[in-house]
């Protein structure tokens, strides 16, 4: 079971006033979307690195590549869903009733 639970997330976010959540569905959907974003970011960067290796070009150190490197490091010890739950709980990701956005 993942910690924090959806009730803990809902209580914290509602208490902080960052959002007003009324359903577990919102948290589940936002978490799933963020986990998919994490996977996509890491996969896109891996594909860019592979393409750069083939052509001999250097990959620029953009914000996305730094974020991908950070997420890739976290993925060595955690699953994408665990990272997403932690990001939502720590308010790194802003949630509204039916979606999540990067801060």
C-alpha atoms as a PDB file:
ATOM      1  CA  UNK A   1       0.000   0.000   0.000  1.00  0.00           C
ATOM      2  CA  UNK A   2       1.279   3.428  -0.915  1.00  0.00           C
ATOM      3  CA  UNK A   3       1.907   6.019   1.718  1.00  0.00           C
ATOM      4  CA  UNK A   4       0.578   8.644   2.092  1.00  0.00           C
ATOM      5  CA  UNK A   5      -2.926   7.361   1.472  1.00  0.00           C
ATOM      6  CA  UNK A   6      -5.468   9.227  -0.632  1.00  0.00           C
ATOM      7  CA  UNK A   7      -7.232  10.436   2.533  1.00  0.00           C
ATOM      8  CA  UNK A   8      -3.979  11.874   3.878  1.00  0.00           C
ATOM      9  CA  UNK A   9      -3.335  13.606   0.545  1.00  0.00           C
ATOM     10  CA  UNK A  10      -6.865  14.986   0.427  1.00  0.00           C
ATOM     11  CA  UNK A  11      -6.703  16.279   4.014  1.00  0.00           C
ATOM     12  CA  UNK A  12      -3.310  17.928   3.507  1.00  0.00           C
ATOM     13  CA  UNK A  13      -4.155  19.622   0.216  1.00  0.00           C
ATOM     14  CA  UNK A  14      -7.527  20.833   1.488  1.00  0.00           C
ATOM     15  CA  UNK A  15      -5.970  22.111   4.744  1.00  0.00           C
ATOM     16  CA  UNK A  16      -3.242  24.007   2.877  1.00  0.00           C
ATOM     17  CA  UNK A  17      -5.844  25.636   0.688  1.00  0.00           C
ATOM     18  CA  UNK A  18      -3.952  24.789  -2.506  1.00  0.00           C
ATOM     19  CA  UNK A  19      -7.034  23.056  -3.851  1.00  0.00           C
ATOM     20  CA  UNK A  20     -10.458  21.841  -2.814  1.00  0.00           C
ATOM     21  CA  UNK A  21     -10.743  18.132  -3.456  1.00  0.00           C
ATOM     22  CA  UNK A  22     -13.949  16.225  -2.885  1.00  0.00           C
ATOM     23  CA  UNK A  23     -13.248  12.834  -4.426  1.00  0.00           C
ATOM     24  CA  UNK A  24     -10.671  10.095  -4.416  1.00  0.00           C
ATOM     25  CA  UNK A  25     -11.153   9.838  -8.151  1.00  0.00           C
ATOM     26  CA  UNK A  26      -9.391  13.175  -8.628  1.00  0.00           C
ATOM     27  CA  UNK A  27      -6.328  12.006  -6.730  1.00  0.00           C
ATOM     28  CA  UNK A  28      -6.212   8.662  -8.525  1.00  0.00           C
ATOM     29  CA  UNK A  29      -6.509  10.249 -11.984  1.00  0.00           C
ATOM     30  CA  UNK A  30      -3.974  12.992 -11.228  1.00  0.00           C
ATOM     31  CA  UNK A  31      -1.527  10.418  -9.848  1.00  0.00           C
ATOM     32  CA  UNK A  32      -1.931   8.157 -12.867  1.00  0.00           C
ATOM     33  CA  UNK A  33      -1.457  11.072 -15.283  1.00  0.00           C
ATOM     34  CA  UNK A  34       1.675  12.236 -13.474  1.00  0.00           C
ATOM     35  CA  UNK A  35       3.114   8.700 -13.412  1.00  0.00           C
ATOM     36  CA  UNK A  36       2.546   8.502 -17.194  1.00  0.00           C
ATOM     37  CA  UNK A  37       4.259  11.910 -17.614  1.00  0.00           C
ATOM     38  CA  UNK A  38       7.249  10.651 -15.624  1.00  0.00           C
ATOM     39  CA  UNK A  39       7.575   7.591 -17.846  1.00  0.00           C
ATOM     40  CA  UNK A  40       7.193   9.695 -21.003  1.00  0.00           C
ATOM     41  CA  UNK A  41       9.803  12.262 -19.900  1.00  0.00           C
ATOM     42  CA  UNK A  42      12.374   9.564 -19.160  1.00  0.00           C
ATOM     43  CA  UNK A  43      11.624   7.658 -22.389  1.00  0.00           C
ATOM     44  CA  UNK A  44      11.830  10.815 -24.537  1.00  0.00           C
ATOM     45  CA  UNK A  45      15.203  11.688 -23.050  1.00  0.00           C
ATOM     46  CA  UNK A  46      16.482   8.155 -23.564  1.00  0.00           C
ATOM     47  CA  UNK A  47      15.377   8.291 -27.205  1.00  0.00           C
ATOM     48  CA  UNK A  48      17.065  11.682 -27.660  1.00  0.00           C
ATOM     49  CA  UNK A  49      20.291  10.363 -26.125  1.00  0.00           C
ATOM     50  CA  UNK A  50      20.192   7.276 -28.351  1.00  0.00           C
ATOM     51  CA  UNK A  51      19.636   9.412 -31.449  1.00  0.00           C
ATOM     52  CA  UNK A  52      22.461  11.751 -30.425  1.00  0.00           C
ATOM     53  CA  UNK A  53      24.783   8.759 -30.014  1.00  0.00           C
ATOM     54  CA  UNK A  54      23.977   7.591 -33.532  1.00  0.00           C
ATOM     55  CA  UNK A  55      24.595  10.982 -35.117  1.00  0.00           C
ATOM     56  CA  UNK A  56      27.509  11.942 -32.893  1.00  0.00           C
ATOM     57  CA  UNK A  57      25.822  15.113 -31.656  1.00  0.00           C
ATOM     58  CA  UNK A  58      25.852  16.271 -28.069  1.00  0.00           C
ATOM     59  CA  UNK A  59      22.567  16.548 -26.192  1.00  0.00           C
ATOM     60  CA  UNK A  60      22.064  20.002 -24.707  1.00  0.00           C
ATOM     61  CA  UNK A  61      21.506  20.286 -20.962  1.00  0.00           C
ATOM     62  CA  UNK A  62      17.998  21.713 -21.058  1.00  0.00           C
ATOM     63  CA  UNK A  63      15.505  21.857 -18.215  1.00  0.00           C
ATOM     64  CA  UNK A  64      13.768  18.751 -19.562  1.00  0.00           C
ATOM     65  CA  UNK A  65      17.006  16.778 -19.698  1.00  0.00           C
ATOM     66  CA  UNK A  66      17.838  17.776 -16.118  1.00  0.00           C
ATOM     67  CA  UNK A  67      14.338  16.787 -15.019  1.00  0.00           C
ATOM     68  CA  UNK A  68      14.658  13.492 -16.896  1.00  0.00           C
ATOM     69  CA  UNK A  69      18.007  12.764 -15.247  1.00  0.00           C
ATOM     70  CA  UNK A  70      16.539  13.480 -11.811  1.00  0.00           C
ATOM     71  CA  UNK A  71      13.508  11.282 -12.485  1.00  0.00           C
ATOM     72  CA  UNK A  72      15.702   8.537 -13.923  1.00  0.00           C
ATOM     73  CA  UNK A  73      17.726   8.539 -10.709  1.00  0.00           C
ATOM     74  CA  UNK A  74      14.553   8.278  -8.614  1.00  0.00           C
ATOM     75  CA  UNK A  75      13.295   5.431 -10.786  1.00  0.00           C
ATOM     76  CA  UNK A  76      16.243   3.328  -9.682  1.00  0.00           C
ATOM     77  CA  UNK A  77      14.648   2.957  -6.241  1.00  0.00           C
ATOM     78  CA  UNK A  78      10.955   3.800  -6.761  1.00  0.00           C
ATOM     79  CA  UNK A  79       8.160   3.150  -9.195  1.00  0.00           C
ATOM     80  CA  UNK A  80       6.611   6.024 -11.179  1.00  0.00           C
ATOM     81  CA  UNK A  81       3.384   5.844  -9.197  1.00  0.00           C
ATOM     82  CA  UNK A  82       5.284   6.245  -5.904  1.00  0.00           C
ATOM     83  CA  UNK A  83       7.115   9.283  -7.255  1.00  0.00           C
ATOM     84  CA  UNK A  84       3.814  10.781  -8.437  1.00  0.00           C
ATOM     85  CA  UNK A  85       2.155  10.263  -5.043  1.00  0.00           C
ATOM     86  CA  UNK A  86       5.082  11.915  -3.265  1.00  0.00           C
ATOM     87  CA  UNK A  87       5.042  14.871  -5.676  1.00  0.00           C
ATOM     88  CA  UNK A  88       1.334  15.429  -5.186  1.00  0.00           C
ATOM     89  CA  UNK A  89       1.601  15.104  -1.401  1.00  0.00           C
ATOM     90  CA  UNK A  90       4.515  17.553  -1.232  1.00  0.00           C
ATOM     91  CA  UNK A  91       2.588  19.967  -3.524  1.00  0.00           C
ATOM     92  CA  UNK A  92       5.219  19.822  -6.297  1.00  0.00           C
ATOM     93  CA  UNK A  93       2.277  19.109  -8.573  1.00  0.00           C
ATOM     94  CA  UNK A  94      -0.772  21.360  -8.455  1.00  0.00           C
ATOM     95  CA  UNK A  95      -4.067  19.514  -8.498  1.00  0.00           C
ATOM     96  CA  UNK A  96      -7.512  20.681  -9.360  1.00  0.00           C
ATOM     97  CA  UNK A  97     -10.588  18.513  -9.191  1.00  0.00           C
ATOM     98  CA  UNK A  98      -9.762  16.393 -12.263  1.00  0.00           C
ATOM     99  CA  UNK A  99      -6.161  16.897 -13.307  1.00  0.00           C
ATOM    100  CA  UNK A 100      -2.609  17.653 -12.206  1.00  0.00           C
ATOM    101  CA  UNK A 101      -0.165  20.246 -13.500  1.00  0.00           C
ATOM    102  CA  UNK A 102       3.526  20.870 -12.936  1.00  0.00           C
ATOM    103  CA  UNK A 103       4.209  23.801 -10.679  1.00  0.00           C
END
